[in-house]
Amino acid sequence: MPPTADSVTCAVAHEACEVLDQCHIKIKPCLDQLTEEQVWWRPKEEMNSIGNLILHLMGNVRQWIVAGIGGQTDVRKRPAEFSERGPVNKAVLLLKLETVVAQAEEMLRKASAEEMLSERRIQGFNTAKSLAPWIKHKRTAVMQLSTRPTKQ
């Protein structure tokens, strides 16, 4: 039997949920090993801290999936993700990340083929009708987080 729009939607949603789960699985032990100071340390002033990257990941997931696919209000303040200097407690960061991931997974599981394929405007641009670029971007972001040097 050839794939249907619903079966493809289900497969894409499943893959996106797997990426979100892998993000959490890799980020939590990394954060657990760091002090609060290390989470917000910047190798150079113009670079981002691990805390900033986590805020950026949360903003991106919420904007693309919770708001973009799920239809919730887009409340992202992207510049604030990078301007934050902390310290936002790492336990609070992790709890916020878990909350956003849970919301996103719920939206993905409930999304219809039509919702997944509909064109949306994100960050002022009409987006592609696929989550594939988003999934690739998330995998790259998590790799950067897990290999990031920290202040000793």
Foldseek 3Di string as FASTA:
>chain_A
DDDDLQNVLVVQLVLLLVLLVVLLVLQVVLLVVDDLCFQLDAPDPVGGGVQLLLLQVLLVLCQCQVCQLVVDDNPDDNVCSRVDRDDPDVVVSSVSSVVSSVSRSVSSVPGGSCSQQDWDAGPNDTDHSHCVVVSVVSVVSSVCSNPPDTDD
